[in-house]
């Protein structure tokens, strides 16, 4: 009996790891795209958003690693949040919670002389990142690449 429970526990952990990996790749991809958009489009088109411009250096790599780790944590947690329930408020609430925590903490640590629009862009980009990860995880579940928690 205990062996069966151990196998089920191991299978759940493996599915959580898969969800975390999907989340990490999704956020890494979103980080790369938004970094390019911020640097090549927004900062050049809108002078008040020049603070969003990022250079390719160790700080950028560290930010990317943090985004990937955040995606891993989101993926594992999101799988438990949605379970087998079809309530859209659980899904959107998880995305908003992670996105707002990341976005608002960035604005707190950011330069206080920056224009308010830059803060709005940072928060919006964070929510977008986690929405992309949620879509990727939902898609993986839909195609049976990933099992919802408890199945």
C-alpha atoms as a PDB file:
ATOM      1  CA  UNK A   1       0.000   0.000   0.000  1.00  0.00           C
ATOM      2  CA  UNK A   2       2.761   2.446   0.939  1.00  0.00           C
ATOM      3  CA  UNK A   3       4.586   1.697  -2.320  1.00  0.00           C
ATOM      4  CA  UNK A   4       1.540   2.744  -4.353  1.00  0.00           C
ATOM      5  CA  UNK A   5       1.315   6.029  -2.475  1.00  0.00           C
ATOM      6  CA  UNK A   6       5.032   6.620  -3.013  1.00  0.00           C
ATOM      7  CA  UNK A   7       4.611   6.065  -6.767  1.00  0.00           C
ATOM      8  CA  UNK A   8       1.649   8.454  -6.894  1.00  0.00           C
ATOM      9  CA  UNK A   9       3.602  11.034  -4.900  1.00  0.00           C
ATOM     10  CA  UNK A  10       6.573  10.688  -7.238  1.00  0.00           C
ATOM     11  CA  UNK A  11       4.308  11.017 -10.300  1.00  0.00           C
ATOM     12  CA  UNK A  12       2.778  14.232  -8.879  1.00  0.00           C
ATOM     13  CA  UNK A  13       6.225  15.665  -8.207  1.00  0.00           C
ATOM     14  CA  UNK A  14       7.322  14.827 -11.740  1.00  0.00           C
ATOM     15  CA  UNK A  15       4.250  16.568 -13.201  1.00  0.00           C
ATOM     16  CA  UNK A  16       4.967  19.607 -11.013  1.00  0.00           C
ATOM     17  CA  UNK A  17       8.545  19.664 -12.275  1.00  0.00           C
ATOM     18  CA  UNK A  18       7.272  19.537 -15.865  1.00  0.00           C
ATOM     19  CA  UNK A  19       4.906  22.439 -15.135  1.00  0.00           C
ATOM     20  CA  UNK A  20       7.812  24.358 -13.607  1.00  0.00           C
ATOM     21  CA  UNK A  21      10.000  23.757 -16.649  1.00  0.00           C
ATOM     22  CA  UNK A  22       7.223  24.932 -18.975  1.00  0.00           C
ATOM     23  CA  UNK A  23       6.790  28.037 -16.807  1.00  0.00           C
ATOM     24  CA  UNK A  24      10.534  28.723 -16.772  1.00  0.00           C
ATOM     25  CA  UNK A  25      10.849  28.466 -20.558  1.00  0.00           C
ATOM     26  CA  UNK A  26       7.729  30.584 -21.066  1.00  0.00           C
ATOM     27  CA  UNK A  27       8.947  33.383 -18.803  1.00  0.00           C
ATOM     28  CA  UNK A  28      12.437  33.248 -20.318  1.00  0.00           C
ATOM     29  CA  UNK A  29      10.920  33.644 -23.780  1.00  0.00           C
ATOM     30  CA  UNK A  30       8.651  36.473 -22.594  1.00  0.00           C
ATOM     31  CA  UNK A  31      11.629  38.164 -20.879  1.00  0.00           C
ATOM     32  CA  UNK A  32      13.643  38.033 -24.091  1.00  0.00           C
ATOM     33  CA  UNK A  33      10.808  39.420 -26.219  1.00  0.00           C
ATOM     34  CA  UNK A  34       9.884  42.233 -23.817  1.00  0.00           C
ATOM     35  CA  UNK A  35      13.543  43.182 -23.360  1.00  0.00           C
ATOM     36  CA  UNK A  36      13.888  43.529 -27.116  1.00  0.00           C
ATOM     37  CA  UNK A  37      10.635  45.487 -27.431  1.00  0.00           C
ATOM     38  CA  UNK A  38      11.581  47.778 -24.533  1.00  0.00           C
ATOM     39  CA  UNK A  39      15.052  48.452 -25.905  1.00  0.00           C
ATOM     40  CA  UNK A  40      14.402  48.582 -29.646  1.00  0.00           C
ATOM     41  CA  UNK A  41      10.900  50.065 -29.784  1.00  0.00           C
ATOM     42  CA  UNK A  42       9.618  51.713 -26.610  1.00  0.00           C
ATOM     43  CA  UNK A  43      12.829  53.397 -25.450  1.00  0.00           C
ATOM     44  CA  UNK A  44      13.526  54.755 -28.930  1.00  0.00           C
ATOM     45  CA  UNK A  45       9.944  55.824 -29.713  1.00  0.00           C
ATOM     46  CA  UNK A  46       9.079  57.359 -26.341  1.00  0.00           C
ATOM     47  CA  UNK A  47      11.876  59.346 -24.653  1.00  0.00           C
ATOM     48  CA  UNK A  48      10.136  59.121 -21.264  1.00  0.00           C
ATOM     49  CA  UNK A  49      10.599  55.328 -21.395  1.00  0.00           C
ATOM     50  CA  UNK A  50      14.367  55.433 -21.912  1.00  0.00           C
ATOM     51  CA  UNK A  51      14.791  53.911 -18.430  1.00  0.00           C
ATOM     52  CA  UNK A  52      13.379  50.629 -19.807  1.00  0.00           C
ATOM     53  CA  UNK A  53      16.326  50.231 -22.171  1.00  0.00           C
ATOM     54  CA  UNK A  54      18.524  47.269 -21.233  1.00  0.00           C
ATOM     55  CA  UNK A  55      22.076  46.538 -22.222  1.00  0.00           C
ATOM     56  CA  UNK A  56      23.317  42.999 -22.737  1.00  0.00           C
ATOM     57  CA  UNK A  57      25.481  42.571 -19.638  1.00  0.00           C
ATOM     58  CA  UNK A  58      25.636  40.531 -16.426  1.00  0.00           C
ATOM     59  CA  UNK A  59      22.678  42.441 -14.959  1.00  0.00           C
ATOM     60  CA  UNK A  60      20.548  41.478 -17.966  1.00  0.00           C
ATOM     61  CA  UNK A  61      21.615  37.831 -17.612  1.00  0.00           C
ATOM     62  CA  UNK A  62      20.815  37.910 -13.896  1.00  0.00           C
ATOM     63  CA  UNK A  63      17.399  39.408 -14.653  1.00  0.00           C
ATOM     64  CA  UNK A  64      16.795  36.619 -17.167  1.00  0.00           C
ATOM     65  CA  UNK A  65      17.789  33.968 -14.629  1.00  0.00           C
ATOM     66  CA  UNK A  66      15.458  35.506 -12.049  1.00  0.00           C
ATOM     67  CA  UNK A  67      12.654  35.537 -14.622  1.00  0.00           C
ATOM     68  CA  UNK A  68      13.272  31.853 -15.389  1.00  0.00           C
ATOM     69  CA  UNK A  69      13.267  30.956 -11.688  1.00  0.00           C
ATOM     70  CA  UNK A  70      10.073  32.963 -11.194  1.00  0.00           C
ATOM     71  CA  UNK A  71       8.567  31.009 -14.079  1.00  0.00           C
ATOM     72  CA  UNK A  72       9.570  27.727 -12.469  1.00  0.00           C
ATOM     73  CA  UNK A  73       7.909  28.709  -9.202  1.00  0.00           C
ATOM     74  CA  UNK A  74       4.847  29.974 -11.049  1.00  0.00           C
ATOM     75  CA  UNK A  75       4.523  26.773 -13.079  1.00  0.00           C
ATOM     76  CA  UNK A  76       4.593  24.553 -10.011  1.00  0.00           C
ATOM     77  CA  UNK A  77       2.185  26.788  -8.100  1.00  0.00           C
ATOM     78  CA  UNK A  78      -0.156  27.386 -11.039  1.00  0.00           C
ATOM     79  CA  UNK A  79      -0.644  23.643 -11.502  1.00  0.00           C
ATOM     80  CA  UNK A  80      -1.877  23.427  -7.912  1.00  0.00           C
ATOM     81  CA  UNK A  81      -4.005  26.568  -8.258  1.00  0.00           C
ATOM     82  CA  UNK A  82      -6.033  25.383 -11.233  1.00  0.00           C
ATOM     83  CA  UNK A  83      -6.238  21.663 -10.343  1.00  0.00           C
ATOM     84  CA  UNK A  84      -9.235  20.263 -12.235  1.00  0.00           C
ATOM     85  CA  UNK A  85     -11.472  23.229 -11.508  1.00  0.00           C
ATOM     86  CA  UNK A  86     -12.732  25.200 -14.519  1.00  0.00           C
ATOM     87  CA  UNK A  87     -13.166  28.438 -12.539  1.00  0.00           C
ATOM     88  CA  UNK A  88     -11.471  31.189 -14.622  1.00  0.00           C
ATOM     89  CA  UNK A  89     -11.044  33.361 -11.519  1.00  0.00           C
ATOM     90  CA  UNK A  90      -8.523  30.893 -10.081  1.00  0.00           C
ATOM     91  CA  UNK A  91      -6.431  31.048 -13.220  1.00  0.00           C
ATOM     92  CA  UNK A  92      -6.577  34.815 -13.663  1.00  0.00           C
ATOM     93  CA  UNK A  93      -6.107  35.371  -9.929  1.00  0.00           C
ATOM     94  CA  UNK A  94      -2.891  33.353  -9.943  1.00  0.00           C
ATOM     95  CA  UNK A  95      -1.582  35.265 -12.945  1.00  0.00           C
ATOM     96  CA  UNK A  96      -2.474  38.632 -11.408  1.00  0.00           C
ATOM     97  CA  UNK A  97      -1.005  37.709  -8.023  1.00  0.00           C
ATOM     98  CA  UNK A  98       2.362  36.675  -9.458  1.00  0.00           C
ATOM     99  CA  UNK A  99       2.397  39.510 -12.010  1.00  0.00           C
ATOM    100  CA  UNK A 100       1.520  42.223  -9.519  1.00  0.00           C
ATOM    101  CA  UNK A 101       3.982  41.013  -6.890  1.00  0.00           C
ATOM    102  CA  UNK A 102       6.813  40.985  -9.412  1.00  0.00           C
ATOM    103  CA  UNK A 103       5.808  44.215 -11.146  1.00  0.00           C
ATOM    104  CA  UNK A 104       5.148  46.235  -8.021  1.00  0.00           C
ATOM    105  CA  UNK A 105       8.351  45.051  -6.347  1.00  0.00           C
ATOM    106  CA  UNK A 106      10.270  46.204  -9.423  1.00  0.00           C
ATOM    107  CA  UNK A 107       8.705  49.634  -9.282  1.00  0.00           C
ATOM    108  CA  UNK A 108       9.604  49.928  -5.605  1.00  0.00           C
ATOM    109  CA  UNK A 109      13.269  49.237  -6.328  1.00  0.00           C
ATOM    110  CA  UNK A 110      13.343  51.304  -9.529  1.00  0.00           C
ATOM    111  CA  UNK A 111      14.660  54.852  -9.875  1.00  0.00           C
ATOM    112  CA  UNK A 112      12.145  57.241  -8.276  1.00  0.00           C
ATOM    113  CA  UNK A 113      12.885  59.918 -10.877  1.00  0.00           C
ATOM    114  CA  UNK A 114      11.449  57.739 -13.612  1.00  0.00           C
ATOM    115  CA  UNK A 115       8.194  58.693 -15.297  1.00  0.00           C
ATOM    116  CA  UNK A 116       5.016  56.980 -14.074  1.00  0.00           C
ATOM    117  CA  UNK A 117       4.453  55.431 -17.506  1.00  0.00           C
ATOM    118  CA  UNK A 118       7.627  53.347 -17.088  1.00  0.00           C
ATOM    119  CA  UNK A 119       6.186  51.874 -13.887  1.00  0.00           C
ATOM    120  CA  UNK A 120       2.933  51.037 -15.668  1.00  0.00           C
ATOM    121  CA  UNK A 121       4.888  49.319 -18.448  1.00  0.00           C
ATOM    122  CA  UNK A 122       6.883  47.267 -15.909  1.00  0.00           C
ATOM    123  CA  UNK A 123       3.763  46.084 -14.095  1.00  0.00           C
ATOM    124  CA  UNK A 124       1.973  45.343 -17.364  1.00  0.00           C
ATOM    125  CA  UNK A 125       4.933  43.423 -18.712  1.00  0.00           C
ATOM    126  CA  UNK A 126       5.100  41.300 -15.548  1.00  0.00           C
ATOM    127  CA  UNK A 127       1.422  40.407 -15.801  1.00  0.00           C
ATOM    128  CA  UNK A 128       1.930  39.594 -19.498  1.00  0.00           C
ATOM    129  CA  UNK A 129       4.825  37.262 -18.657  1.00  0.00           C
ATOM    130  CA  UNK A 130       2.779  35.202 -16.249  1.00  0.00           C
ATOM    131  CA  UNK A 131      -0.223  35.203 -18.593  1.00  0.00           C
ATOM    132  CA  UNK A 132       2.006  33.711 -21.301  1.00  0.00           C
ATOM    133  CA  UNK A 133       3.220  31.055 -18.857  1.00  0.00           C
ATOM    134  CA  UNK A 134      -0.372  30.259 -17.828  1.00  0.00           C
ATOM    135  CA  UNK A 135      -1.392  29.880 -21.472  1.00  0.00           C
ATOM    136  CA  UNK A 136       1.569  27.555 -22.085  1.00  0.00           C
ATOM    137  CA  UNK A 137       0.701  25.406 -19.053  1.00  0.00           C
ATOM    138  CA  UNK A 138      -3.003  25.331 -19.960  1.00  0.00           C
ATOM    139  CA  UNK A 139      -2.057  24.292 -23.496  1.00  0.00           C
ATOM    140  CA  UNK A 140       0.212  21.534 -22.174  1.00  0.00           C
ATOM    141  CA  UNK A 141      -2.652  20.238 -20.030  1.00  0.00           C
ATOM    142  CA  UNK A 142      -5.083  20.443 -22.952  1.00  0.00           C
ATOM    143  CA  UNK A 143      -2.781  18.346 -25.157  1.00  0.00           C
ATOM    144  CA  UNK A 144      -2.148  15.903 -22.265  1.00  0.00           C
ATOM    145  CA  UNK A 145       1.555  16.728 -22.092  1.00  0.00           C
ATOM    146  CA  UNK A 146       0.945  17.637 -18.476  1.00  0.00           C
ATOM    147  CA  UNK A 147      -1.595  16.296 -16.005  1.00  0.00           C
ATOM    148  CA  UNK A 148      -3.595  18.588 -13.724  1.00  0.00           C
ATOM    149  CA  UNK A 149      -2.967  18.128 -10.017  1.00  0.00           C
ATOM    150  CA  UNK A 150      -4.833  15.154  -8.577  1.00  0.00           C
ATOM    151  CA  UNK A 151      -5.275  13.156 -11.781  1.00  0.00           C
END
